Amino acid sequence: FPWARSVVVAALSYKPATEEAQPA
């Protein structure tokens, strides 16, 4: 991208609100 002058970086959380037990 030879025309690029700035790189904008955005972050979006995906952490679950709760953690369920892992059944057998």
PDB file of all heavy atoms in Angstrom:
ATOM      1  N   PHE A   1       0.849  -1.192   0.000  1.00  0.00           N
ATOM      2  CA  PHE A   1       0.000   0.000   0.000  1.00  0.00           C
ATOM      3  C   PHE A   1       0.885   1.241   0.000  1.00  0.00           C
ATOM      4  O   PHE A   1       1.079   1.886   1.036  1.00  0.00           O
ATOM      5  CB  PHE A   1      -0.917  -0.007   1.229  1.00  0.00           C
ATOM      6  CG  PHE A   1      -1.773  -1.240   1.342  1.00  0.00           C
ATOM      7  CD1 PHE A   1      -1.348  -2.336   2.082  1.00  0.00           C
ATOM      8  CD2 PHE A   1      -2.997  -1.315   0.689  1.00  0.00           C
ATOM      9  CE1 PHE A   1      -2.126  -3.481   2.185  1.00  0.00           C
ATOM     10  CE2 PHE A   1      -3.789  -2.453   0.781  1.00  0.00           C
ATOM     11  CZ  PHE A   1      -3.349  -3.534   1.535  1.00  0.00           C
ATOM     12  N   PRO A   2       1.452   1.581  -1.167  1.00  0.00           N
ATOM     13  CA  PRO A   2       2.410   2.692  -1.234  1.00  0.00           C
ATOM     14  C   PRO A   2       1.829   4.042  -0.824  1.00  0.00           C
ATOM     15  O   PRO A   2       2.575   4.954  -0.481  1.00  0.00           O
ATOM     16  CB  PRO A   2       2.856   2.685  -2.703  1.00  0.00           C
ATOM     17  CG  PRO A   2       1.792   1.951  -3.437  1.00  0.00           C
ATOM     18  CD  PRO A   2       1.275   0.929  -2.480  1.00  0.00           C
ATOM     19  N   TRP A   3       0.506   4.165  -0.859  1.00  0.00           N
ATOM     20  CA  TRP A   3      -0.140   5.425  -0.482  1.00  0.00           C
ATOM     21  C   TRP A   3      -0.350   5.563   1.026  1.00  0.00           C
ATOM     22  O   TRP A   3      -0.723   6.636   1.516  1.00  0.00           O
ATOM     23  CB  TRP A   3      -1.494   5.551  -1.185  1.00  0.00           C
ATOM     24  CG  TRP A   3      -2.325   4.296  -1.112  1.00  0.00           C
ATOM     25  CD1 TRP A   3      -2.453   3.351  -2.067  1.00  0.00           C
ATOM     26  CD2 TRP A   3      -3.136   3.857  -0.008  1.00  0.00           C
ATOM     27  NE1 TRP A   3      -3.294   2.333  -1.661  1.00  0.00           N
ATOM     28  CE2 TRP A   3      -3.730   2.632  -0.391  1.00  0.00           C
ATOM     29  CE3 TRP A   3      -3.426   4.370   1.247  1.00  0.00           C
ATOM     30  CZ2 TRP A   3      -4.588   1.917   0.446  1.00  0.00           C
ATOM     31  CZ3 TRP A   3      -4.281   3.658   2.096  1.00  0.00           C
ATOM     32  CH2 TRP A   3      -4.843   2.446   1.690  1.00  0.00           C
ATOM     33  N   ALA A   4      -0.128   4.484   1.789  1.00  0.00           N
ATOM     34  CA  ALA A   4      -0.405   4.506   3.231  1.00  0.00           C
ATOM     35  C   ALA A   4       0.552   5.437   3.968  1.00  0.00           C
ATOM     36  O   ALA A   4       1.766   5.400   3.758  1.00  0.00           O
ATOM     37  CB  ALA A   4      -0.305   3.095   3.796  1.00  0.00           C
ATOM     38  N   ARG A   5      -0.009   6.259   4.838  1.00  0.00           N
ATOM     39  CA  ARG A   5       0.790   7.154   5.667  1.00  0.00           C
ATOM     40  C   ARG A   5       0.584   6.886   7.161  1.00  0.00           C
ATOM     41  O   ARG A   5       1.461   7.185   7.967  1.00  0.00           O
ATOM     42  CB  ARG A   5       0.431   8.619   5.365  1.00  0.00           C
ATOM     43  CG  ARG A   5       0.781   9.041   3.935  1.00  0.00           C
ATOM     44  CD  ARG A   5       2.273   9.021   3.701  1.00  0.00           C
ATOM     45  NE  ARG A   5       2.610   9.369   2.313  1.00  0.00           N
ATOM     46  CZ  ARG A   5       2.757   8.478   1.340  1.00  0.00           C
ATOM     47  NH1 ARG A   5       2.587   7.172   1.583  1.00  0.00           N
ATOM     48  NH2 ARG A   5       3.065   8.859   0.126  1.00  0.00           N
ATOM     49  N   SER A   6      -0.575   6.342   7.510  1.00  0.00           N
ATOM     50  CA  SER A   6      -0.869   6.045   8.914  1.00  0.00           C
ATOM     51  C   SER A   6      -1.483   4.657   9.040  1.00  0.00           C
ATOM     52  O   SER A   6      -2.203   4.203   8.147  1.00  0.00           O
ATOM     53  CB  SER A   6      -1.835   7.080   9.506  1.00  0.00           C
ATOM     54  OG  SER A   6      -1.305   8.382   9.427  1.00  0.00           O
ATOM     55  N   VAL A   7      -1.192   3.997  10.161  1.00  0.00           N
ATOM     56  CA  VAL A   7      -1.752   2.684  10.473  1.00  0.00           C
ATOM     57  C   VAL A   7      -2.599   2.830  11.736  1.00  0.00           C
ATOM     58  O   VAL A   7      -2.079   3.171  12.803  1.00  0.00           O
ATOM     59  CB  VAL A   7      -0.648   1.635  10.712  1.00  0.00           C
ATOM     60  CG1 VAL A   7      -1.266   0.271  11.014  1.00  0.00           C
ATOM     61  CG2 VAL A   7       0.277   1.551   9.498  1.00  0.00           C
ATOM     62  N   VAL A   8      -3.882   2.612  11.587  1.00  0.00           N
ATOM     63  CA  VAL A   8      -4.807   2.697  12.719  1.00  0.00           C
ATOM     64  C   VAL A   8      -5.072   1.281  13.218  1.00  0.00           C
ATOM     65  O   VAL A   8      -5.442   0.397  12.434  1.00  0.00           O
ATOM     66  CB  VAL A   8      -6.142   3.357  12.298  1.00  0.00           C
ATOM     67  CG1 VAL A   8      -7.093   3.428  13.490  1.00  0.00           C
ATOM     68  CG2 VAL A   8      -5.887   4.742  11.718  1.00  0.00           C
ATOM     69  N   VAL A   9      -4.867   1.049  14.499  1.00  0.00           N
ATOM     70  CA  VAL A   9      -5.071  -0.277  15.092  1.00  0.00           C
ATOM     71  C   VAL A   9      -6.175  -0.195  16.136  1.00  0.00           C
ATOM     72  O   VAL A   9      -6.151   0.679  17.005  1.00  0.00           O
ATOM     73  CB  VAL A   9      -3.781  -0.810  15.743  1.00  0.00           C
ATOM     74  CG1 VAL A   9      -4.012  -2.220  16.298  1.00  0.00           C
ATOM     75  CG2 VAL A   9      -2.631  -0.815  14.736  1.00  0.00           C
ATOM     76  N   ALA A  10      -7.143  -1.100  16.047  1.00  0.00           N
ATOM     77  CA  ALA A  10      -8.253  -1.128  17.001  1.00  0.00           C
ATOM     78  C   ALA A  10      -8.355  -2.506  17.642  1.00  0.00           C
ATOM     79  O   ALA A  10      -8.108  -3.523  16.988  1.00  0.00           O
ATOM     80  CB  ALA A  10      -9.561  -0.775  16.294  1.00  0.00           C
ATOM     81  N   ALA A  11      -8.711  -2.537  18.924  1.00  0.00           N
ATOM     82  CA  ALA A  11      -8.806  -3.788  19.677  1.00  0.00           C
ATOM     83  C   ALA A  11     -10.228  -3.988  20.187  1.00  0.00           C
ATOM     84  O   ALA A  11     -10.870  -3.044  20.660  1.00  0.00           O
ATOM     85  CB  ALA A  11      -7.832  -3.776  20.850  1.00  0.00           C
ATOM     86  N   LEU A  12     -10.700  -5.232  20.088  1.00  0.00           N
ATOM     87  CA  LEU A  12     -12.046  -5.583  20.534  1.00  0.00           C
ATOM     88  C   LEU A  12     -11.972  -6.833  21.414  1.00  0.00           C
ATOM     89  O   LEU A  12     -11.525  -7.889  20.966  1.00  0.00           O
ATOM     90  CB  LEU A  12     -12.947  -5.848  19.325  1.00  0.00           C
ATOM     91  CG  LEU A  12     -14.438  -6.047  19.589  1.00  0.00           C
ATOM     92  CD1 LEU A  12     -15.051  -4.754  20.128  1.00  0.00           C
ATOM     93  CD2 LEU A  12     -15.157  -6.463  18.304  1.00  0.00           C
ATOM     94  N   SER A  13     -12.393  -6.697  22.660  1.00  0.00           N
ATOM     95  CA  SER A  13     -12.311  -7.812  23.610  1.00  0.00           C
ATOM     96  C   SER A  13     -13.280  -8.935  23.253  1.00  0.00           C
ATOM     97  O   SER A  13     -14.389  -8.694  22.789  1.00  0.00           O
ATOM     98  CB  SER A  13     -12.638  -7.310  25.022  1.00  0.00           C
ATOM     99  OG  SER A  13     -12.792  -8.392  25.928  1.00  0.00           O
ATOM    100  N   TYR A  14     -12.827 -10.168  23.487  1.00  0.00           N
ATOM    101  CA  TYR A  14     -13.711 -11.328  23.299  1.00  0.00           C
ATOM    102  C   TYR A  14     -13.799 -12.176  24.571  1.00  0.00           C
ATOM    103  O   TYR A  14     -14.347 -13.280  24.553  1.00  0.00           O
ATOM    104  CB  TYR A  14     -13.245 -12.197  22.127  1.00  0.00           C
ATOM    105  CG  TYR A  14     -11.849 -12.789  22.266  1.00  0.00           C
ATOM    106  CD1 TYR A  14     -11.615 -13.900  23.078  1.00  0.00           C
ATOM    107  CD2 TYR A  14     -10.770 -12.245  21.581  1.00  0.00           C
ATOM    108  CE1 TYR A  14     -10.342 -14.451  23.201  1.00  0.00           C
ATOM    109  CE2 TYR A  14      -9.497 -12.790  21.694  1.00  0.00           C
ATOM    110  CZ  TYR A  14      -9.284 -13.885  22.503  1.00  0.00           C
ATOM    111  OH  TYR A  14      -8.036 -14.431  22.622  1.00  0.00           O
ATOM    112  N   LYS A  15     -13.301 -11.655  25.680  1.00  0.00           N
ATOM    113  CA  LYS A  15     -13.293 -12.450  26.917  1.00  0.00           C
ATOM    114  C   LYS A  15     -14.717 -12.774  27.367  1.00  0.00           C
ATOM    115  O   LYS A  15     -15.560 -11.883  27.480  1.00  0.00           O
ATOM    116  CB  LYS A  15     -12.567 -11.709  28.024  1.00  0.00           C
ATOM    117  CG  LYS A  15     -12.451 -12.534  29.302  1.00  0.00           C
ATOM    118  CD  LYS A  15     -11.741 -11.781  30.412  1.00  0.00           C
ATOM    119  CE  LYS A  15     -11.640 -12.659  31.666  1.00  0.00           C
ATOM    120  NZ  LYS A  15     -11.015 -11.940  32.789  1.00  0.00           N
ATOM    121  N   PRO A  16     -15.027 -14.054  27.636  1.00  0.00           N
ATOM    122  CA  PRO A  16     -16.379 -14.419  28.076  1.00  0.00           C
ATOM    123  C   PRO A  16     -16.731 -13.787  29.419  1.00  0.00           C
ATOM    124  O   PRO A  16     -15.856 -13.552  30.260  1.00  0.00           O
ATOM    125  CB  PRO A  16     -16.304 -15.950  28.198  1.00  0.00           C
ATOM    126  CG  PRO A  16     -15.117 -16.352  27.393  1.00  0.00           C
ATOM    127  CD  PRO A  16     -14.147 -15.221  27.505  1.00  0.00           C
ATOM    128  N   ALA A  17     -18.015 -13.521  29.605  1.00  0.00           N
ATOM    129  CA  ALA A  17     -18.477 -12.946  30.863  1.00  0.00           C
ATOM    130  C   ALA A  17     -18.396 -13.969  31.991  1.00  0.00           C
ATOM    131  O   ALA A  17     -18.128 -13.634  33.149  1.00  0.00           O
ATOM    132  CB  ALA A  17     -19.907 -12.439  30.720  1.00  0.00           C
ATOM    133  N   THR A  18     -18.614 -15.232  31.661  1.00  0.00           N
ATOM    134  CA  THR A  18     -18.544 -16.315  32.645  1.00  0.00           C
ATOM    135  C   THR A  18     -17.783 -17.488  32.054  1.00  0.00           C
ATOM    136  O   THR A  18     -17.694 -17.628  30.837  1.00  0.00           O
ATOM    137  CB  THR A  18     -19.953 -16.789  33.061  1.00  0.00           C
ATOM    138  OG1 THR A  18     -20.664 -17.246  31.894  1.00  0.00           O
ATOM    139  CG2 THR A  18     -20.730 -15.666  33.721  1.00  0.00           C
ATOM    140  N   GLU A  19     -17.271 -18.321  32.922  1.00  0.00           N
ATOM    141  CA  GLU A  19     -16.566 -19.533  32.500  1.00  0.00           C
ATOM    142  C   GLU A  19     -17.343 -20.743  33.013  1.00  0.00           C
ATOM    143  O   GLU A  19     -17.518 -20.910  34.221  1.00  0.00           O
ATOM    144  CB  GLU A  19     -15.141 -19.547  33.049  1.00  0.00           C
ATOM    145  CG  GLU A  19     -14.234 -18.489  32.451  1.00  0.00           C
ATOM    146  CD  GLU A  19     -13.897 -18.729  30.990  1.00  0.00           C
ATOM    147  OE1 GLU A  19     -14.144 -19.846  30.504  1.00  0.00           O
ATOM    148  OE2 GLU A  19     -13.406 -17.800  30.338  1.00  0.00           O
ATOM    149  N   GLU A  20     -17.819 -21.538  32.088  1.00  0.00           N
ATOM    150  CA  GLU A  20     -18.594 -22.720  32.457  1.00  0.00           C
ATOM    151  C   GLU A  20     -17.672 -23.885  32.806  1.00  0.00           C
ATOM    152  O   GLU A  20     -16.556 -23.994  32.288  1.00  0.00           O
ATOM    153  CB  GLU A  20     -19.525 -23.130  31.304  1.00  0.00           C
ATOM    154  CG  GLU A  20     -20.467 -22.026  30.858  1.00  0.00           C
ATOM    155  CD  GLU A  20     -21.454 -21.617  31.930  1.00  0.00           C
ATOM    156  OE1 GLU A  20     -21.772 -22.472  32.789  1.00  0.00           O
ATOM    157  OE2 GLU A  20     -21.889 -20.457  31.915  1.00  0.00           O
ATOM    158  N   ALA A  21     -18.153 -24.767  33.676  1.00  0.00           N
ATOM    159  CA  ALA A  21     -17.404 -25.973  34.017  1.00  0.00           C
ATOM    160  C   ALA A  21     -17.318 -26.866  32.791  1.00  0.00           C
ATOM    161  O   ALA A  21     -18.223 -26.873  31.941  1.00  0.00           O
ATOM    162  CB  ALA A  21     -18.093 -26.710  35.166  1.00  0.00           C
ATOM    163  N   GLN A  22     -16.241 -27.603  32.682  1.00  0.00           N
ATOM    164  CA  GLN A  22     -16.032 -28.478  31.527  1.00  0.00           C
ATOM    165  C   GLN A  22     -16.479 -29.895  31.884  1.00  0.00           C
ATOM    166  O   GLN A  22     -15.780 -30.620  32.594  1.00  0.00           O
ATOM    167  CB  GLN A  22     -14.552 -28.475  31.142  1.00  0.00           C
ATOM    168  CG  GLN A  22     -14.272 -28.882  29.717  1.00  0.00           C
ATOM    169  CD  GLN A  22     -14.690 -27.809  28.725  1.00  0.00           C
ATOM    170  OE1 GLN A  22     -14.680 -26.632  29.044  1.00  0.00           O
ATOM    171  NE2 GLN A  22     -15.077 -28.230  27.541  1.00  0.00           N
ATOM    172  N   PRO A  23     -17.647 -30.335  31.415  1.00  0.00           N
ATOM    173  CA  PRO A  23     -18.141 -31.675  31.750  1.00  0.00           C
ATOM    174  C   PRO A  23     -17.266 -32.774  31.147  1.00  0.00           C
ATOM    175  O   PRO A  23     -16.557 -32.552  30.161  1.00  0.00           O
ATOM    176  CB  PRO A  23     -19.545 -31.705  31.128  1.00  0.00           C
ATOM    177  CG  PRO A  23     -19.892 -30.269  30.871  1.00  0.00           C
ATOM    178  CD  PRO A  23     -18.594 -29.600  30.583  1.00  0.00           C
ATOM    179  N   ALA A  24     -17.341 -33.945  31.729  1.00  0.00           N
ATOM    180  CA  ALA A  24     -16.602 -35.091  31.193  1.00  0.00           C
ATOM    181  C   ALA A  24     -17.098 -35.392  29.781  1.00  0.00           C
ATOM    182  O   ALA A  24     -18.275 -35.230  29.465  1.00  0.00           O
ATOM    183  CB  ALA A  24     -16.809 -36.309  32.089  1.00  0.00           C
TER     184      ALA A  24
END
